[in-house]
């Protein structure tokens, strides 16, 4: 099943917003789960999109820092972009490796 690139970009934004919403809940205090969600979401969409993994990483991972910077002036939350970039490039390179092996 082939998913278009535009749909993968929309999915990246939706997943990023959902993860940021979960992370912003008052009683949610589990950074490890949030990091894992960002990593898995960006890796799976990076695999599906098959191009521009940097854009996928930004679309998934930018919402948590945006929320934390605007409301709490917490610039340390920019570290949420690291697992987003790792995941997106990992998914992208796995897809490229599978295509090259065929």
C-alpha atoms as a PDB file:
ATOM      1  CA  UNK A   1       0.000   0.000   0.000  1.00  0.00           C
ATOM      2  CA  UNK A   2       1.501   3.291  -1.095  1.00  0.00           C
ATOM      3  CA  UNK A   3       0.729   6.389   0.957  1.00  0.00           C
ATOM      4  CA  UNK A   4       1.285   9.739  -0.657  1.00  0.00           C
ATOM      5  CA  UNK A   5       3.878  12.145   0.622  1.00  0.00           C
ATOM      6  CA  UNK A   6       1.295  14.770   1.554  1.00  0.00           C
ATOM      7  CA  UNK A   7      -0.603  12.320   3.733  1.00  0.00           C
ATOM      8  CA  UNK A   8       2.619  11.413   5.538  1.00  0.00           C
ATOM      9  CA  UNK A   9       3.246  15.111   6.257  1.00  0.00           C
ATOM     10  CA  UNK A  10      -0.270  15.457   7.652  1.00  0.00           C
ATOM     11  CA  UNK A  11       0.263  12.349   9.782  1.00  0.00           C
ATOM     12  CA  UNK A  12       3.522  13.808  11.090  1.00  0.00           C
ATOM     13  CA  UNK A  13       1.742  16.957  12.248  1.00  0.00           C
ATOM     14  CA  UNK A  14      -1.122  14.966  13.797  1.00  0.00           C
ATOM     15  CA  UNK A  15       1.206  12.595  15.662  1.00  0.00           C
ATOM     16  CA  UNK A  16       3.351  15.503  16.836  1.00  0.00           C
ATOM     17  CA  UNK A  17       0.317  17.387  18.144  1.00  0.00           C
ATOM     18  CA  UNK A  18      -1.058  14.298  19.903  1.00  0.00           C
ATOM     19  CA  UNK A  19       2.280  13.593  21.574  1.00  0.00           C
ATOM     20  CA  UNK A  20       2.599  17.245  22.650  1.00  0.00           C
ATOM     21  CA  UNK A  21      -0.949  17.166  24.027  1.00  0.00           C
ATOM     22  CA  UNK A  22      -0.207  14.013  26.029  1.00  0.00           C
ATOM     23  CA  UNK A  23       3.072  15.497  27.253  1.00  0.00           C
ATOM     24  CA  UNK A  24       1.316  18.696  28.375  1.00  0.00           C
ATOM     25  CA  UNK A  25      -1.216  16.964  30.641  1.00  0.00           C
ATOM     26  CA  UNK A  26      -0.883  18.055  34.275  1.00  0.00           C
ATOM     27  CA  UNK A  27      -0.254  14.587  35.706  1.00  0.00           C
ATOM     28  CA  UNK A  28       1.961  13.317  32.891  1.00  0.00           C
ATOM     29  CA  UNK A  29       5.539  13.243  34.078  1.00  0.00           C
ATOM     30  CA  UNK A  30       7.213  10.515  32.063  1.00  0.00           C
ATOM     31  CA  UNK A  31       9.803  11.979  29.733  1.00  0.00           C
ATOM     32  CA  UNK A  32      11.043   8.556  28.647  1.00  0.00           C
ATOM     33  CA  UNK A  33       7.654   7.564  27.238  1.00  0.00           C
ATOM     34  CA  UNK A  34       7.349  10.912  25.453  1.00  0.00           C
ATOM     35  CA  UNK A  35      10.809  10.471  23.917  1.00  0.00           C
ATOM     36  CA  UNK A  36       9.908   6.950  22.807  1.00  0.00           C
ATOM     37  CA  UNK A  37       6.654   8.173  21.242  1.00  0.00           C
ATOM     38  CA  UNK A  38       8.486  10.912  19.322  1.00  0.00           C
ATOM     39  CA  UNK A  39      11.165   8.445  18.197  1.00  0.00           C
ATOM     40  CA  UNK A  40       8.684   5.812  17.006  1.00  0.00           C
ATOM     41  CA  UNK A  41       6.353   8.302  15.317  1.00  0.00           C
ATOM     42  CA  UNK A  42       9.145  10.023  13.415  1.00  0.00           C
ATOM     43  CA  UNK A  43      10.776   6.703  12.456  1.00  0.00           C
ATOM     44  CA  UNK A  44       7.558   5.233  11.104  1.00  0.00           C
ATOM     45  CA  UNK A  45       6.622   8.366   9.173  1.00  0.00           C
ATOM     46  CA  UNK A  46      10.211   8.756   7.936  1.00  0.00           C
ATOM     47  CA  UNK A  47       9.925   5.205   6.616  1.00  0.00           C
ATOM     48  CA  UNK A  48       6.567   5.883   4.943  1.00  0.00           C
ATOM     49  CA  UNK A  49       7.442   9.291   3.472  1.00  0.00           C
ATOM     50  CA  UNK A  50      10.704   8.088   1.915  1.00  0.00           C
ATOM     51  CA  UNK A  51      12.043  11.629   1.443  1.00  0.00           C
ATOM     52  CA  UNK A  52      12.916  14.794   3.408  1.00  0.00           C
ATOM     53  CA  UNK A  53      13.453  13.167   6.823  1.00  0.00           C
ATOM     54  CA  UNK A  54      14.479  16.547   8.259  1.00  0.00           C
ATOM     55  CA  UNK A  55      10.997  17.900   7.523  1.00  0.00           C
ATOM     56  CA  UNK A  56       9.349  14.850   9.085  1.00  0.00           C
ATOM     57  CA  UNK A  57      11.490  15.328  12.205  1.00  0.00           C
ATOM     58  CA  UNK A  58      10.493  18.972  12.492  1.00  0.00           C
ATOM     59  CA  UNK A  59       6.803  18.249  11.951  1.00  0.00           C
ATOM     60  CA  UNK A  60       6.748  15.554  14.633  1.00  0.00           C
ATOM     61  CA  UNK A  61       9.157  17.015  17.164  1.00  0.00           C
ATOM     62  CA  UNK A  62       8.565  20.755  17.109  1.00  0.00           C
ATOM     63  CA  UNK A  63       5.304  20.832  19.075  1.00  0.00           C
ATOM     64  CA  UNK A  64       6.653  19.892  22.510  1.00  0.00           C
ATOM     65  CA  UNK A  65       9.381  22.583  22.446  1.00  0.00           C
ATOM     66  CA  UNK A  66       6.952  25.130  21.037  1.00  0.00           C
ATOM     67  CA  UNK A  67       4.513  24.497  23.877  1.00  0.00           C
ATOM     68  CA  UNK A  68       7.205  24.533  26.577  1.00  0.00           C
ATOM     69  CA  UNK A  69       8.955  27.632  25.257  1.00  0.00           C
ATOM     70  CA  UNK A  70       5.788  29.677  24.819  1.00  0.00           C
ATOM     71  CA  UNK A  71       4.233  28.816  28.170  1.00  0.00           C
ATOM     72  CA  UNK A  72       7.153  28.105  30.487  1.00  0.00           C
ATOM     73  CA  UNK A  73      10.185  29.665  28.728  1.00  0.00           C
ATOM     74  CA  UNK A  74      11.838  26.225  28.896  1.00  0.00           C
ATOM     75  CA  UNK A  75      14.405  26.188  26.102  1.00  0.00           C
ATOM     76  CA  UNK A  76      15.750  22.855  27.315  1.00  0.00           C
ATOM     77  CA  UNK A  77      12.737  21.263  25.680  1.00  0.00           C
ATOM     78  CA  UNK A  78      14.451  21.795  22.316  1.00  0.00           C
ATOM     79  CA  UNK A  79      16.154  18.492  23.111  1.00  0.00           C
ATOM     80  CA  UNK A  80      12.884  16.848  22.019  1.00  0.00           C
ATOM     81  CA  UNK A  81      14.062  17.451  18.467  1.00  0.00           C
ATOM     82  CA  UNK A  82      16.978  15.033  18.913  1.00  0.00           C
ATOM     83  CA  UNK A  83      14.886  11.807  19.031  1.00  0.00           C
ATOM     84  CA  UNK A  84      12.695  13.206  16.256  1.00  0.00           C
ATOM     85  CA  UNK A  85      15.699  13.609  13.945  1.00  0.00           C
ATOM     86  CA  UNK A  86      17.182  10.256  14.969  1.00  0.00           C
ATOM     87  CA  UNK A  87      13.889   8.488  14.306  1.00  0.00           C
ATOM     88  CA  UNK A  88      13.116  10.207  11.006  1.00  0.00           C
ATOM     89  CA  UNK A  89      16.568   9.569   9.555  1.00  0.00           C
ATOM     90  CA  UNK A  90      16.555   5.985  10.861  1.00  0.00           C
ATOM     91  CA  UNK A  91      13.220   5.272   9.140  1.00  0.00           C
ATOM     92  CA  UNK A  92      14.400   6.980   5.961  1.00  0.00           C
ATOM     93  CA  UNK A  93      17.674   5.017   5.787  1.00  0.00           C
ATOM     94  CA  UNK A  94      15.975   1.703   6.576  1.00  0.00           C
ATOM     95  CA  UNK A  95      13.585   2.306   3.675  1.00  0.00           C
ATOM     96  CA  UNK A  96      16.489   3.236   1.393  1.00  0.00           C
ATOM     97  CA  UNK A  97      18.376   0.079   2.451  1.00  0.00           C
ATOM     98  CA  UNK A  98      15.363  -2.130   1.724  1.00  0.00           C
ATOM     99  CA  UNK A  99      14.903  -0.509  -1.698  1.00  0.00           C
ATOM    100  CA  UNK A 100      18.616  -0.953  -2.541  1.00  0.00           C
ATOM    101  CA  UNK A 101      18.566  -4.627  -1.547  1.00  0.00           C
ATOM    102  CA  UNK A 102      15.838  -5.440  -4.075  1.00  0.00           C
END
